C-alpha atoms as a PDB file:
ATOM      1  CA  MET A   1      56.148   4.921  70.527  1.00  0.00           C
ATOM      2  CA  ALA A   2      52.779   6.424  69.566  1.00  0.00           C
ATOM      3  CA  THR A   3      49.871   4.118  68.883  1.00  0.00           C
ATOM      4  CA  LYS A   4      48.133   4.742  65.590  1.00  0.00           C
ATOM      5  CA  ILE A   5      44.338   4.824  65.934  1.00  0.00           C
ATOM      6  CA  SER A   6      42.181   4.125  62.932  1.00  0.00           C
ATOM      7  CA  LEU A   7      38.777   5.813  62.848  1.00  0.00           C
ATOM      8  CA  ASP A   8      35.992   4.907  60.455  1.00  0.00           C
ATOM      9  CA  ILE A   9      33.983   8.096  59.857  1.00  0.00           C
ATOM     10  CA  SER A  10      32.071   6.866  56.822  1.00  0.00           C
ATOM     11  CA  GLY A  11      28.928   6.545  58.960  1.00  0.00           C
ATOM     12  CA  CYS A  12      29.108  10.270  59.773  1.00  0.00           C
ATOM     13  CA  ALA A  13      28.547  11.435  56.225  1.00  0.00           C
ATOM     14  CA  PRO A  14      25.035  12.425  55.151  1.00  0.00           C
ATOM     15  CA  ALA A  15      23.202   9.936  53.011  1.00  0.00           C
ATOM     16  CA  PRO A  16      23.423  10.715  49.316  1.00  0.00           C
ATOM     17  CA  GLY A  17      20.606  12.902  48.046  1.00  0.00           C
ATOM     18  CA  LEU A  18      19.551  14.202  51.465  1.00  0.00           C
ATOM     19  CA  GLU A  19      19.139  17.935  51.649  1.00  0.00           C
ATOM     20  CA  PRO A  20      17.802  20.125  54.430  1.00  0.00           C
ATOM     21  CA  MET A  21      14.423  21.747  54.109  1.00  0.00           C
ATOM     22  CA  ALA A  22      14.689  25.150  52.452  1.00  0.00           C
ATOM     23  CA  ARG A  23      15.217  27.882  55.040  1.00  0.00           C
ATOM     24  CA  SER A  24      12.194  29.853  53.812  1.00  0.00           C
ATOM     25  CA  LYS A  25       9.979  26.775  54.166  1.00  0.00           C
ATOM     26  CA  ALA A  26      11.382  26.054  57.635  1.00  0.00           C
ATOM     27  CA  THR A  27      10.677  29.643  58.689  1.00  0.00           C
ATOM     28  CA  GLU A  28       7.104  29.400  57.384  1.00  0.00           C
ATOM     29  CA  ILE A  29       6.431  26.127  59.194  1.00  0.00           C
ATOM     30  CA  ALA A  30       8.027  27.423  62.391  1.00  0.00           C
ATOM     31  CA  ALA A  31       5.597  30.362  62.351  1.00  0.00           C
ATOM     32  CA  LEU A  32       2.680  27.941  61.947  1.00  0.00           C
ATOM     33  CA  LEU A  33       3.879  25.752  64.794  1.00  0.00           C
ATOM     34  CA  LYS A  34       4.401  28.791  66.995  1.00  0.00           C
ATOM     35  CA  ALA A  35       0.823  29.884  66.268  1.00  0.00           C
ATOM     36  CA  VAL A  36      -0.602  26.560  67.435  1.00  0.00           C
ATOM     37  CA  ALA A  37       1.837  26.014  70.292  1.00  0.00           C
ATOM     38  CA  ASP A  38      -0.587  27.469  72.806  1.00  0.00           C
ATOM     39  CA  PRO A  39      -3.198  25.506  74.783  1.00  0.00           C
ATOM     40  CA  THR A  40      -5.933  28.091  74.181  1.00  0.00           C
ATOM     41  CA  ARG A  41      -5.305  28.109  70.449  1.00  0.00           C
ATOM     42  CA  LEU A  42      -5.460  24.329  70.328  1.00  0.00           C
ATOM     43  CA  GLN A  43      -8.785  24.485  72.183  1.00  0.00           C
ATOM     44  CA  ILE A  44     -10.063  27.071  69.712  1.00  0.00           C
ATOM     45  CA  LEU A  45      -9.081  24.906  66.756  1.00  0.00           C
ATOM     46  CA  ALA A  46     -10.796  21.881  68.301  1.00  0.00           C
ATOM     47  CA  LEU A  47     -13.978  23.879  68.935  1.00  0.00           C
ATOM     48  CA  ILE A  48     -14.023  25.182  65.369  1.00  0.00           C
ATOM     49  CA  ARG A  49     -13.622  21.654  63.978  1.00  0.00           C
ATOM     50  CA  GLN A  50     -16.479  20.418  66.182  1.00  0.00           C
ATOM     51  CA  SER A  51     -18.846  23.253  65.346  1.00  0.00           C
ATOM     52  CA  PRO A  52     -21.546  23.071  62.654  1.00  0.00           C
ATOM     53  CA  ASP A  53     -20.020  23.603  59.211  1.00  0.00           C
ATOM     54  CA  SER A  54     -16.572  23.608  60.880  1.00  0.00           C
ATOM     55  CA  ARG A  55     -16.736  27.355  61.464  1.00  0.00           C
ATOM     56  CA  ALA A  56     -17.293  29.530  64.488  1.00  0.00           C
ATOM     57  CA  CYS A  57     -17.792  33.099  65.534  1.00  0.00           C
ATOM     58  CA  ILE A  58     -15.863  34.523  68.469  1.00  0.00           C
ATOM     59  CA  CYS A  59     -19.173  34.760  70.308  1.00  0.00           C
ATOM     60  CA  ASP A  60     -19.436  30.943  70.006  1.00  0.00           C
ATOM     61  CA  LEU A  61     -16.108  30.505  71.782  1.00  0.00           C
ATOM     62  CA  THR A  62     -16.225  32.866  74.764  1.00  0.00           C
ATOM     63  CA  GLU A  63     -18.476  30.738  76.975  1.00  0.00           C
ATOM     64  CA  PRO A  64     -16.908  27.303  76.363  1.00  0.00           C
ATOM     65  CA  LEU A  65     -13.416  28.718  76.924  1.00  0.00           C
ATOM     66  CA  ASP A  66     -14.444  31.059  79.743  1.00  0.00           C
ATOM     67  CA  LEU A  67     -12.417  33.836  78.123  1.00  0.00           C
ATOM     68  CA  SER A  68     -13.255  37.372  77.110  1.00  0.00           C
ATOM     69  CA  GLN A  69     -13.929  38.405  73.530  1.00  0.00           C
ATOM     70  CA  PRO A  70     -10.716  40.494  73.313  1.00  0.00           C
ATOM     71  CA  THR A  71      -8.617  37.538  74.482  1.00  0.00           C
ATOM     72  CA  ILE A  72     -10.131  35.193  71.917  1.00  0.00           C
ATOM     73  CA  SER A  73      -9.812  37.886  69.228  1.00  0.00           C
ATOM     74  CA  HIS A  74      -6.091  38.112  70.001  1.00  0.00           C
ATOM     75  CA  HIS A  75      -5.654  34.361  69.502  1.00  0.00           C
ATOM     76  CA  MET A  76      -7.756  34.379  66.325  1.00  0.00           C
ATOM     77  CA  LYS A  77      -5.652  37.223  64.917  1.00  0.00           C
ATOM     78  CA  LYS A  78      -2.420  35.312  65.514  1.00  0.00           C
ATOM     79  CA  MET A  79      -3.756  32.218  63.752  1.00  0.00           C
ATOM     80  CA  THR A  80      -5.224  34.279  60.900  1.00  0.00           C
ATOM     81  CA  GLU A  81      -1.905  36.101  60.358  1.00  0.00           C
ATOM     82  CA  VAL A  82      -0.148  32.813  59.554  1.00  0.00           C
ATOM     83  CA  GLY A  83      -3.021  31.667  57.349  1.00  0.00           C
ATOM     84  CA  LEU A  84      -4.233  28.897  59.644  1.00  0.00           C
ATOM     85  CA  LEU A  85      -7.696  30.442  59.880  1.00  0.00           C
ATOM     86  CA  THR A  86      -9.806  32.075  57.223  1.00  0.00           C
ATOM     87  CA  SER A  87     -12.580  34.507  58.001  1.00  0.00           C
ATOM     88  CA  GLU A  88     -15.890  35.360  56.406  1.00  0.00           C
ATOM     89  CA  LYS A  89     -18.022  38.307  57.420  1.00  0.00           C
ATOM     90  CA  LYS A  90     -21.774  37.725  57.580  1.00  0.00           C
ATOM     91  CA  GLY A  91     -23.632  40.837  58.666  1.00  0.00           C
ATOM     92  CA  THR A  92     -21.989  42.078  61.851  1.00  0.00           C
ATOM     93  CA  TRP A  93     -20.419  38.687  62.658  1.00  0.00           C
ATOM     94  CA  VAL A  94     -17.157  37.195  61.468  1.00  0.00           C
ATOM     95  CA  TYR A  95     -16.974  33.434  61.139  1.00  0.00           C
ATOM     96  CA  TYR A  96     -13.651  31.618  61.249  1.00  0.00           C
ATOM     97  CA  SER A  97     -12.740  28.336  59.575  1.00  0.00           C
ATOM     98  CA  ILE A  98      -9.582  26.279  59.557  1.00  0.00           C
ATOM     99  CA  ASN A  99      -7.616  26.641  56.334  1.00  0.00           C
ATOM    100  CA  GLN A 100      -7.347  22.959  55.426  1.00  0.00           C
ATOM    101  CA  LYS A 101      -4.375  23.468  53.113  1.00  0.00           C
ATOM    102  CA  ILE A 102      -2.317  25.049  55.897  1.00  0.00           C
ATOM    103  CA  TRP A 103      -3.549  22.500  58.458  1.00  0.00           C
ATOM    104  CA  ASN A 104      -2.408  19.717  56.108  1.00  0.00           C
ATOM    105  CA  GLN A 105       1.074  21.261  55.950  1.00  0.00           C
ATOM    106  CA  ILE A 106       1.313  20.890  59.717  1.00  0.00           C
ATOM    107  CA  SER A 107      -0.020  17.345  59.751  1.00  0.00           C
ATOM    108  CA  ASP A 108       2.322  16.344  56.889  1.00  0.00           C
ATOM    109  CA  LEU A 109       5.265  17.050  59.210  1.00  0.00           C
ATOM    110  CA  PHE A 110       4.260  14.061  61.295  1.00  0.00           C
ATOM    111  CA  ASP A 111       3.828  11.540  58.453  1.00  0.00           C
END
């Protein structure tokens, strides 16, 4: 004689009103996280935040990071492409700042 097993699966159902993040939003945030998921890029962001007026030129970053200008330029380009950094040209120099709106999107993930 077979034993009848009763399973309560009501706890497996999603809570009412919960919906996943929109795929487009998830893709956008994933690109941001990928851009900052690099130790050098995190160092760059920290240096920019610490610098006067919260902006820095690549020439301000080469010595503290002990990296070449092309290497830092590569990292800056990746962060600029996702909107994390903004740039402003002054004469022959380009100064980078953290886009606070985009930075807040990242920090909001952890609230």
